[in-house]
């Protein structure tokens, strides 16, 4: 966050592309989600998630970009991957 916030403070838009676990960590920070609850977050692979933040870095709005049905299917796919790993 130390590299991101100064960019936002200077009215820059920031694009972050990362692996699912890195993105979960960022979402955990932004949304104040506990470590216990973050494991239930299924971020769809390859789907942009846009946050609109206020000056205090609080979320005003967030949305996935794309077709809602496709996004839901991708989220389910990620959830199913976790189930497969837990059943080994």
Protein backbone atom coordinates (compact mmCIF):
# COMPACT_ATOMS: atom_id res chain seq x y z
CA UNK A 1 0.00 0.00 0.00
CA UNK A 2 2.93 2.33 0.57
CA UNK A 3 3.49 2.48 -3.19
CA UNK A 4 -0.17 2.68 -4.17
CA UNK A 5 -1.59 5.40 -1.93
CA UNK A 6 0.86 8.15 -3.02
CA UNK A 7 -0.16 7.53 -6.62
CA UNK A 8 -3.82 7.84 -5.74
CA UNK A 9 -3.10 10.96 -3.69
CA UNK A 10 -1.64 12.46 -6.88
CA UNK A 11 -4.87 11.71 -8.78
CA UNK A 12 -3.31 8.81 -10.68
CA UNK A 13 -5.19 5.66 -11.57
CA UNK A 14 -3.51 2.46 -10.44
CA UNK A 15 -3.76 -0.92 -12.14
CA UNK A 16 -2.71 -3.94 -10.11
CA UNK A 17 -2.29 -7.33 -11.74
CA UNK A 18 -1.35 -10.14 -9.39
CA UNK A 19 -1.91 -13.72 -8.31
CA UNK A 20 -5.10 -14.60 -6.44
CA UNK A 21 -3.49 -14.73 -2.99
CA UNK A 22 -1.78 -11.37 -3.45
CA UNK A 23 -5.07 -9.87 -4.56
CA UNK A 24 -6.84 -11.43 -1.56
CA UNK A 25 -4.30 -9.72 0.71
CA UNK A 26 -5.03 -6.38 -0.93
CA UNK A 27 -8.80 -6.90 -0.68
CA UNK A 28 -8.37 -8.00 2.94
CA UNK A 29 -6.62 -4.70 3.68
CA UNK A 30 -9.02 -2.47 1.70
CA UNK A 31 -12.19 -4.10 2.97
CA UNK A 32 -10.98 -4.87 6.50
CA UNK A 33 -11.74 -8.58 6.11
CA UNK A 34 -10.39 -10.95 8.76
CA UNK A 35 -7.86 -13.68 7.95
CA UNK A 36 -10.55 -16.22 8.84
CA UNK A 37 -13.08 -14.74 6.41
CA UNK A 38 -10.73 -13.96 3.51
CA UNK A 39 -10.41 -17.66 2.66
CA UNK A 40 -14.05 -17.57 1.58
CA UNK A 41 -13.40 -14.83 -0.97
CA UNK A 42 -13.37 -16.24 -4.50
CA UNK A 43 -11.89 -13.69 -6.86
CA UNK A 44 -12.62 -14.60 -10.48
CA UNK A 45 -9.49 -15.11 -12.56
CA UNK A 46 -8.85 -12.43 -15.17
CA UNK A 47 -11.79 -10.21 -14.20
CA UNK A 48 -11.01 -6.59 -13.33
CA UNK A 49 -12.26 -5.36 -9.97
CA UNK A 50 -12.53 -1.58 -9.78
CA UNK A 51 -12.52 0.31 -6.49
CA UNK A 52 -13.51 3.95 -6.12
CA UNK A 53 -11.96 5.36 -2.94
CA UNK A 54 -12.40 8.59 -1.02
CA UNK A 55 -9.54 10.77 0.21
CA UNK A 56 -9.23 8.64 3.35
CA UNK A 57 -8.81 5.46 1.27
CA UNK A 58 -12.30 4.24 2.19
CA UNK A 59 -14.32 2.39 -0.42
CA UNK A 60 -17.05 4.43 -2.07
CA UNK A 61 -17.89 1.78 -4.64
CA UNK A 62 -16.50 -1.42 -6.11
CA UNK A 63 -17.50 -3.49 -9.10
CA UNK A 64 -16.30 -6.31 -11.26
CA UNK A 65 -16.10 -5.37 -14.93
CA UNK A 66 -17.79 -7.76 -17.32
CA UNK A 67 -20.81 -9.97 -17.83
CA UNK A 68 -22.34 -10.86 -14.45
CA UNK A 69 -23.16 -14.45 -15.49
CA UNK A 70 -19.63 -15.08 -16.75
CA UNK A 71 -18.16 -13.54 -13.60
CA UNK A 72 -20.36 -15.71 -11.35
CA UNK A 73 -19.24 -18.82 -13.25
CA UNK A 74 -15.58 -17.83 -12.85
CA UNK A 75 -16.09 -17.22 -9.14
CA UNK A 76 -17.65 -20.67 -8.79
CA UNK A 77 -14.73 -22.20 -10.65
CA UNK A 78 -12.31 -20.64 -8.15
CA UNK A 79 -14.46 -21.89 -5.26
CA UNK A 80 -14.45 -25.40 -6.72
CA UNK A 81 -10.66 -25.36 -6.99
CA UNK A 82 -10.46 -24.75 -3.26
CA UNK A 83 -12.82 -27.64 -2.58
CA UNK A 84 -10.66 -29.98 -4.66
CA UNK A 85 -7.56 -28.97 -2.70
CA UNK A 86 -9.34 -29.52 0.62
CA UNK A 87 -10.50 -33.01 -0.38
CA UNK A 88 -6.99 -34.35 -1.02
